[in-house]
PDB file of all heavy atoms in Angstrom:
ATOM      1  N   VAL A   1     173.115-110.027 160.393  1.00  0.00           N
ATOM      2  CA  VAL A   1     172.989-108.927 161.336  1.00  0.00           C
ATOM      3  C   VAL A   1     172.114-109.468 162.570  1.00  0.00           C
ATOM      4  O   VAL A   1     171.786-108.540 163.395  1.00  0.00           O
ATOM      5  CB  VAL A   1     172.663-107.622 160.827  1.00  0.00           C
ATOM      6  CG1 VAL A   1     173.588-107.199 159.756  1.00  0.00           C
ATOM      7  CG2 VAL A   1     171.168-107.571 160.201  1.00  0.00           C
ATOM      8  N   GLY A   2     171.526-110.665 162.471  1.00  0.00           N
ATOM      9  CA  GLY A   2     170.654-111.087 163.526  1.00  0.00           C
ATOM     10  C   GLY A   2     169.137-110.713 163.099  1.00  0.00           C
ATOM     11  O   GLY A   2     168.938-110.129 161.948  1.00  0.00           O
ATOM     12  N   ILE A   3     168.173-110.928 163.865  1.00  0.00           N
ATOM     13  CA  ILE A   3     166.832-110.703 163.471  1.00  0.00           C
ATOM     14  C   ILE A   3     166.563-109.351 163.747  1.00  0.00           C
ATOM     15  O   ILE A   3     165.788-108.722 164.575  1.00  0.00           O
ATOM     16  CB  ILE A   3     165.806-111.573 164.407  1.00  0.00           C
ATOM     17  CG1 ILE A   3     166.262-113.003 164.249  1.00  0.00           C
ATOM     18  CG2 ILE A   3     164.469-111.361 163.979  1.00  0.00           C
ATOM     19  CD1 ILE A   3     165.364-114.003 165.051  1.00  0.00           C
ATOM     20  N   CYS A   4     167.029-108.458 162.905  1.00  0.00           N
ATOM     21  CA  CYS A   4     166.977-107.055 162.906  1.00  0.00           C
ATOM     22  C   CYS A   4     166.866-106.357 161.495  1.00  0.00           C
ATOM     23  O   CYS A   4     167.726-105.885 160.828  1.00  0.00           O
ATOM     24  CB  CYS A   4     168.330-106.489 163.466  1.00  0.00           C
ATOM     25  SG  CYS A   4     168.872-107.222 164.984  1.00  0.00           S
ATOM     26  N   GLU A   5     165.650-106.457 160.891  1.00  0.00           N
ATOM     27  CA  GLU A   5     165.335-106.062 159.608  1.00  0.00           C
ATOM     28  C   GLU A   5     165.563-104.571 159.472  1.00  0.00           C
ATOM     29  O   GLU A   5     166.141-104.141 158.391  1.00  0.00           O
ATOM     30  CB  GLU A   5     163.843-106.462 159.166  1.00  0.00           C
ATOM     31  CG  GLU A   5     163.648-107.957 159.014  1.00  0.00           C
ATOM     32  CD  GLU A   5     163.233-108.706 160.424  1.00  0.00           C
ATOM     33  OE1 GLU A   5     163.221-107.930 161.359  1.00  0.00           O
ATOM     34  OE2 GLU A   5     163.108-109.856 160.338  1.00  0.00           O
ATOM     35  N   GLN A   6     165.147-103.798 160.480  1.00  0.00           N
ATOM     36  CA  GLN A   6     165.342-102.352 160.346  1.00  0.00           C
ATOM     37  C   GLN A   6     166.852-102.012 160.310  1.00  0.00           C
ATOM     38  O   GLN A   6     167.263-101.164 159.409  1.00  0.00           O
ATOM     39  CB  GLN A   6     164.720-101.647 161.631  1.00  0.00           C
ATOM     40  CG  GLN A   6     163.179-101.791 161.664  1.00  0.00           C
ATOM     41  CD  GLN A   6     162.649-101.294 162.966  1.00  0.00           C
ATOM     42  OE1 GLN A   6     162.866-101.967 164.009  1.00  0.00           O
ATOM     43  NE2 GLN A   6     161.943-100.195 162.997  1.00  0.00           N
ATOM     44  N   HIS A   7     167.602-102.654 161.107  1.00  0.00           N
ATOM     45  CA  HIS A   7     169.065-102.340 161.008  1.00  0.00           C
ATOM     46  C   HIS A   7     169.636-102.839 159.800  1.00  0.00           C
ATOM     47  O   HIS A   7     170.396-102.017 159.139  1.00  0.00           O
ATOM     48  CB  HIS A   7     169.692-103.132 162.244  1.00  0.00           C
ATOM     49  CG  HIS A   7     171.147-103.254 162.233  1.00  0.00           C
ATOM     50  ND1 HIS A   7     172.003-102.003 162.104  1.00  0.00           N
ATOM     51  CD2 HIS A   7     171.968-104.304 162.106  1.00  0.00           C
ATOM     52  CE1 HIS A   7     173.161-102.458 162.118  1.00  0.00           C
ATOM     53  NE2 HIS A   7     173.334-103.679 162.058  1.00  0.00           N
ATOM     54  N   ALA A   8     169.166-103.982 159.283  1.00  0.00           N
ATOM     55  CA  ALA A   8     169.694-104.462 157.952  1.00  0.00           C
ATOM     56  C   ALA A   8     169.565-103.407 156.909  1.00  0.00           C
ATOM     57  O   ALA A   8     170.506-103.174 156.052  1.00  0.00           O
ATOM     58  CB  ALA A   8     168.993-105.807 157.645  1.00  0.00           C
ATOM     59  N   VAL A   9     168.455-102.730 156.806  1.00  0.00           N
ATOM     60  CA  VAL A   9     168.198-101.802 155.717  1.00  0.00           C
ATOM     61  C   VAL A   9     168.891-100.487 155.872  1.00  0.00           C
ATOM     62  O   VAL A   9     169.532-100.065 154.960  1.00  0.00           O
ATOM     63  CB  VAL A   9     166.661-101.599 155.588  1.00  0.00           C
ATOM     64  CG1 VAL A   9     166.370-100.430 154.706  1.00  0.00           C
ATOM     65  CG2 VAL A   9     165.799-102.741 155.199  1.00  0.00           C
ATOM     66  N   THR A  10     168.959-100.126 157.106  1.00  0.00           N
ATOM     67  CA  THR A  10     169.567 -98.815 157.313  1.00  0.00           C
ATOM     68  C   THR A  10     171.263 -99.076 157.191  1.00  0.00           C
ATOM     69  O   THR A  10     172.071 -98.188 156.768  1.00  0.00           O
ATOM     70  CB  THR A  10     169.328 -98.172 158.591  1.00  0.00           C
ATOM     71  OG1 THR A  10     167.918 -97.812 158.701  1.00  0.00           O
ATOM     72  CG2 THR A  10     170.110 -96.795 158.757  1.00  0.00           C
ATOM     73  N   LEU A  11     171.698-100.115 157.699  1.00  0.00           N
ATOM     74  CA  LEU A  11     173.065-100.648 157.561  1.00  0.00           C
ATOM     75  C   LEU A  11     173.447-100.574 156.064  1.00  0.00           C
ATOM     76  O   LEU A  11     174.522-100.131 155.622  1.00  0.00           O
ATOM     77  CB  LEU A  11     173.330-101.967 158.188  1.00  0.00           C
ATOM     78  CG  LEU A  11     174.768-102.553 157.959  1.00  0.00           C
ATOM     79  CD1 LEU A  11     175.744-101.786 158.926  1.00  0.00           C
ATOM     80  CD2 LEU A  11     174.809-104.031 158.365  1.00  0.00           C
ATOM     81  N   SER A  12     172.540-101.179 155.251  1.00  0.00           N
ATOM     82  CA  SER A  12     172.735-101.266 153.729  1.00  0.00           C
ATOM     83  C   SER A  12     172.874 -99.715 153.206  1.00  0.00           C
ATOM     84  O   SER A  12     173.624 -99.509 152.264  1.00  0.00           O
ATOM     85  CB  SER A  12     171.597-102.098 153.186  1.00  0.00           C
ATOM     86  OG  SER A  12     171.608-103.337 153.661  1.00  0.00           O
ATOM     87  N   ALA A  13     172.017 -98.977 153.691  1.00  0.00           N
ATOM     88  CA  ALA A  13     171.999 -97.516 153.224  1.00  0.00           C
ATOM     89  C   ALA A  13     173.196 -96.930 153.523  1.00  0.00           C
ATOM     90  O   ALA A  13     173.860 -96.160 152.697  1.00  0.00           O
ATOM     91  CB  ALA A  13     170.747 -96.801 153.891  1.00  0.00           C
ATOM     92  N   GLY A  14     173.727 -97.184 154.741  1.00  0.00           N
ATOM     93  CA  GLY A  14     175.064 -96.532 155.150  1.00  0.00           C
ATOM     94  C   GLY A  14     176.179 -96.960 154.231  1.00  0.00           C
ATOM     95  O   GLY A  14     177.126 -96.148 153.857  1.00  0.00           O
ATOM     96  N   MET A  15     176.132 -98.162 153.938  1.00  0.00           N
ATOM     97  CA  MET A  15     177.314 -98.690 153.045  1.00  0.00           C
ATOM     98  C   MET A  15     177.156 -98.201 151.685  1.00  0.00           C
ATOM     99  O   MET A  15     178.140 -97.816 151.053  1.00  0.00           O
ATOM    100  CB  MET A  15     177.123-100.269 153.128  1.00  0.00           C
ATOM    101  CG  MET A  15     177.710-100.972 154.352  1.00  0.00           C
ATOM    102  SD  MET A  15     177.640-102.805 154.114  1.00  0.00           S
ATOM    103  CE  MET A  15     178.468-103.311 155.447  1.00  0.00           C
ATOM    104  N   ALA A  16     175.891 -98.060 151.264  1.00  0.00           N
ATOM    105  CA  ALA A  16     175.675 -97.424 149.867  1.00  0.00           C
ATOM    106  C   ALA A  16     176.151 -96.026 149.757  1.00  0.00           C
ATOM    107  O   ALA A  16     176.661 -95.611 148.712  1.00  0.00           O
ATOM    108  CB  ALA A  16     174.241 -97.595 149.544  1.00  0.00           C
ATOM    109  N   THR A  17     176.198 -95.248 150.829  1.00  0.00           N
ATOM    110  CA  THR A  17     176.637 -93.990 150.756  1.00  0.00           C
ATOM    111  C   THR A  17     178.143 -93.845 150.458  1.00  0.00           C
ATOM    112  O   THR A  17     178.693 -92.856 150.023  1.00  0.00           O
ATOM    113  CB  THR A  17     176.444 -93.127 152.073  1.00  0.00           C
ATOM    114  OG1 THR A  17     177.149 -93.765 153.117  1.00  0.00           O
ATOM    115  CG2 THR A  17     174.939 -93.138 152.367  1.00  0.00           C
ATOM    116  N   GLN A  18     178.775 -95.003 150.730  1.00  0.00           N
ATOM    117  CA  GLN A  18     180.265 -95.153 150.539  1.00  0.00           C
ATOM    118  C   GLN A  18     180.672 -95.728 149.243  1.00  0.00           C
ATOM    119  O   GLN A  18     181.810 -96.195 149.239  1.00  0.00           O
ATOM    120  CB  GLN A  18     180.927 -95.864 151.811  1.00  0.00           C
ATOM    121  CG  GLN A  18     180.598 -95.149 153.166  1.00  0.00           C
ATOM    122  CD  GLN A  18     181.070 -93.666 153.088  1.00  0.00           C
ATOM    123  OE1 GLN A  18     182.140 -93.313 152.997  1.00  0.00           O
ATOM    124  NE2 GLN A  18     180.014 -92.799 153.294  1.00  0.00           N
ATOM    125  N   GLY A  19     179.693 -95.939 148.339  1.00  0.00           N
ATOM    126  CA  GLY A  19     179.927 -96.424 147.058  1.00  0.00           C
ATOM    127  C   GLY A  19     179.855 -97.879 147.007  1.00  0.00           C
ATOM    128  O   GLY A  19     180.230 -98.549 145.879  1.00  0.00           O
ATOM    129  N   LEU A  20     179.450 -98.709 147.986  1.00  0.00           N
ATOM    130  CA  LEU A  20     179.294-100.082 147.950  1.00  0.00           C
ATOM    131  C   LEU A  20     177.980-100.522 147.370  1.00  0.00           C
ATOM    132  O   LEU A  20     176.958 -99.693 147.437  1.00  0.00           O
ATOM    133  CB  LEU A  20     179.432-100.732 149.197  1.00  0.00           C
ATOM    134  CG  LEU A  20     180.884-100.508 150.035  1.00  0.00           C
ATOM    135  CD1 LEU A  20     180.919-101.124 151.426  1.00  0.00           C
ATOM    136  CD2 LEU A  20     182.001-101.217 149.127  1.00  0.00           C
ATOM    137  N   LYS A  21     177.945-101.645 146.682  1.00  0.00           N
ATOM    138  CA  LYS A  21     176.610-102.128 146.079  1.00  0.00           C
ATOM    139  C   LYS A  21     176.170-103.288 146.998  1.00  0.00           C
ATOM    140  O   LYS A  21     176.685-104.496 146.985  1.00  0.00           O
ATOM    141  CB  LYS A  21     176.946-102.611 144.715  1.00  0.00           C
ATOM    142  CG  LYS A  21     175.628-103.061 143.876  1.00  0.00           C
ATOM    143  CD  LYS A  21     174.601-102.096 143.820  1.00  0.00           C
ATOM    144  CE  LYS A  21     174.902-101.042 142.705  1.00  0.00           C
ATOM    145  NZ  LYS A  21     173.944-100.105 142.324  1.00  0.00           N
ATOM    146  N   VAL A  22     175.233-102.968 147.858  1.00  0.00           N
ATOM    147  CA  VAL A  22     174.732-103.855 148.926  1.00  0.00           C
ATOM    148  C   VAL A  22     173.532-104.666 148.277  1.00  0.00           C
ATOM    149  O   VAL A  22     172.452-104.066 147.917  1.00  0.00           O
ATOM    150  CB  VAL A  22     174.348-103.173 150.174  1.00  0.00           C
ATOM    151  CG1 VAL A  22     173.924-104.217 151.275  1.00  0.00           C
ATOM    152  CG2 VAL A  22     175.446-102.389 150.630  1.00  0.00           C
ATOM    153  N   TYR A  23     173.588-106.009 148.419  1.00  0.00           N
ATOM    154  CA  TYR A  23     172.462-106.919 148.162  1.00  0.00           C
ATOM    155  C   TYR A  23     171.766-107.259 149.543  1.00  0.00           C
ATOM    156  O   TYR A  23     172.466-108.095 150.257  1.00  0.00           O
ATOM    157  CB  TYR A  23     172.760-108.022 147.211  1.00  0.00           C
ATOM    158  CG  TYR A  23     173.008-107.808 145.827  1.00  0.00           C
ATOM    159  CD1 TYR A  23     174.217-107.021 145.416  1.00  0.00           C
ATOM    160  CD2 TYR A  23     172.135-108.189 144.938  1.00  0.00           C
ATOM    161  CE1 TYR A  23     174.389-106.840 144.052  1.00  0.00           C
ATOM    162  CE2 TYR A  23     172.274-107.926 143.564  1.00  0.00           C
ATOM    163  CZ  TYR A  23     173.465-107.211 143.090  1.00  0.00           C
ATOM    164  OH  TYR A  23     173.629-106.964 141.919  1.00  0.00           O
ATOM    165  N   CYS A  24     170.679-106.659 149.898  1.00  0.00           N
ATOM    166  CA  CYS A  24     170.059-106.885 151.142  1.00  0.00           C
ATOM    167  C   CYS A  24     169.005-107.898 150.896  1.00  0.00           C
ATOM    168  O   CYS A  24     167.935-107.660 150.282  1.00  0.00           O
ATOM    169  CB  CYS A  24     169.527-105.672 151.810  1.00  0.00           C
ATOM    170  SG  CYS A  24     168.821-105.872 153.344  1.00  0.00           S
ATOM    171  N   THR A  25     169.155-109.178 151.294  1.00  0.00           N
ATOM    172  CA  THR A  25     168.156-110.159 151.179  1.00  0.00           C
ATOM    173  C   THR A  25     167.358-110.349 152.383  1.00  0.00           C
ATOM    174  O   THR A  25     167.690-110.811 153.399  1.00  0.00           O
ATOM    175  CB  THR A  25     168.768-111.413 150.633  1.00  0.00           C
ATOM    176  OG1 THR A  25     167.828-112.530 150.496  1.00  0.00           O
ATOM    177  CG2 THR A  25     169.852-111.951 151.716  1.00  0.00           C
ATOM    178  N   ILE A  26     165.966-110.158 152.112  1.00  0.00           N
ATOM    179  CA  ILE A  26     165.015-110.208 153.263  1.00  0.00           C
ATOM    180  C   ILE A  26     163.785-110.979 152.643  1.00  0.00           C
ATOM    181  O   ILE A  26     163.366-110.779 151.553  1.00  0.00           O
ATOM    182  CB  ILE A  26     164.518-108.819 153.767  1.00  0.00           C
ATOM    183  CG1 ILE A  26     165.849-108.115 154.276  1.00  0.00           C
ATOM    184  CG2 ILE A  26     163.624-108.888 154.771  1.00  0.00           C
ATOM    185  CD1 ILE A  26     165.474-106.768 154.822  1.00  0.00           C
ATOM    186  N   TYR A  27     163.257-111.752 153.545  1.00  0.00           N
ATOM    187  CA  TYR A  27     161.920-112.438 153.105  1.00  0.00           C
ATOM    188  C   TYR A  27     160.787-111.239 152.926  1.00  0.00           C
ATOM    189  O   TYR A  27     160.818-110.234 153.746  1.00  0.00           O
ATOM    190  CB  TYR A  27     161.347-113.406 154.208  1.00  0.00           C
ATOM    191  CG  TYR A  27     162.117-114.602 154.382  1.00  0.00           C
ATOM    192  CD1 TYR A  27     163.312-114.879 153.627  1.00  0.00           C
ATOM    193  CD2 TYR A  27     161.606-115.725 155.181  1.00  0.00           C
ATOM    194  CE1 TYR A  27     163.948-116.132 153.839  1.00  0.00           C
ATOM    195  CE2 TYR A  27     162.229-116.860 155.342  1.00  0.00           C
ATOM    196  CZ  TYR A  27     163.530-117.030 154.523  1.00  0.00           C
ATOM    197  OH  TYR A  27     164.179-118.292 154.841  1.00  0.00           O
ATOM    198  N   SER A  28     160.006-111.486 152.068  1.00  0.00           N
ATOM    199  CA  SER A  28     159.023-110.377 151.694  1.00  0.00           C
ATOM    200  C   SER A  28     158.166-109.960 152.838  1.00  0.00           C
ATOM    201  O   SER A  28     158.013-108.793 153.064  1.00  0.00           O
ATOM    202  CB  SER A  28     158.064-110.893 150.636  1.00  0.00           C
ATOM    203  OG  SER A  28     157.019-109.932 150.467  1.00  0.00           O
ATOM    204  N   SER A  29     157.689-110.922 153.702  1.00  0.00           N
ATOM    205  CA  SER A  29     156.737-110.519 154.883  1.00  0.00           C
ATOM    206  C   SER A  29     157.623-109.881 155.863  1.00  0.00           C
ATOM    207  O   SER A  29     157.060-109.198 156.631  1.00  0.00           O
ATOM    208  CB  SER A  29     156.099-111.843 155.432  1.00  0.00           C
ATOM    209  OG  SER A  29     157.052-112.833 155.898  1.00  0.00           O
ATOM    210  N   PHE A  30     158.871-110.328 156.077  1.00  0.00           N
ATOM    211  CA  PHE A  30     159.722-109.651 157.040  1.00  0.00           C
ATOM    212  C   PHE A  30     160.178-108.144 156.502  1.00  0.00           C
ATOM    213  O   PHE A  30     160.438-107.222 157.490  1.00  0.00           O
ATOM    214  CB  PHE A  30     161.043-110.423 157.200  1.00  0.00           C
ATOM    215  CG  PHE A  30     160.808-111.762 157.854  1.00  0.00           C
ATOM    216  CD1 PHE A  30     161.849-112.756 157.880  1.00  0.00           C
ATOM    217  CD2 PHE A  30     159.572-112.232 158.315  1.00  0.00           C
ATOM    218  CE1 PHE A  30     161.583-114.013 158.289  1.00  0.00           C
ATOM    219  CE2 PHE A  30     159.440-113.409 158.785  1.00  0.00           C
ATOM    220  CZ  PHE A  30     160.407-114.394 158.762  1.00  0.00           C
ATOM    221  N   MET A  31     160.224-107.888 155.240  1.00  0.00           N
ATOM    222  CA  MET A  31     160.503-106.551 154.753  1.00  0.00           C
ATOM    223  C   MET A  31     159.513-105.619 155.316  1.00  0.00           C
ATOM    224  O   MET A  31     159.790-104.388 155.402  1.00  0.00           O
ATOM    225  CB  MET A  31     160.576-106.640 153.282  1.00  0.00           C
ATOM    226  CG  MET A  31     161.002-105.214 152.653  1.00  0.00           C
ATOM    227  SD  MET A  31     162.742-104.978 153.046  1.00  0.00           S
ATOM    228  CE  MET A  31     162.952-103.291 152.594  1.00  0.00           C
TER     229      MET A  31
END
């Protein structure tokens, strides 16, 4: 999703509301 950690997390949350199992991989310091 590009250098957009905030978007990556909320995008994952949106997908999860629809029953998907999202693996969001982020470097610890970027989290």
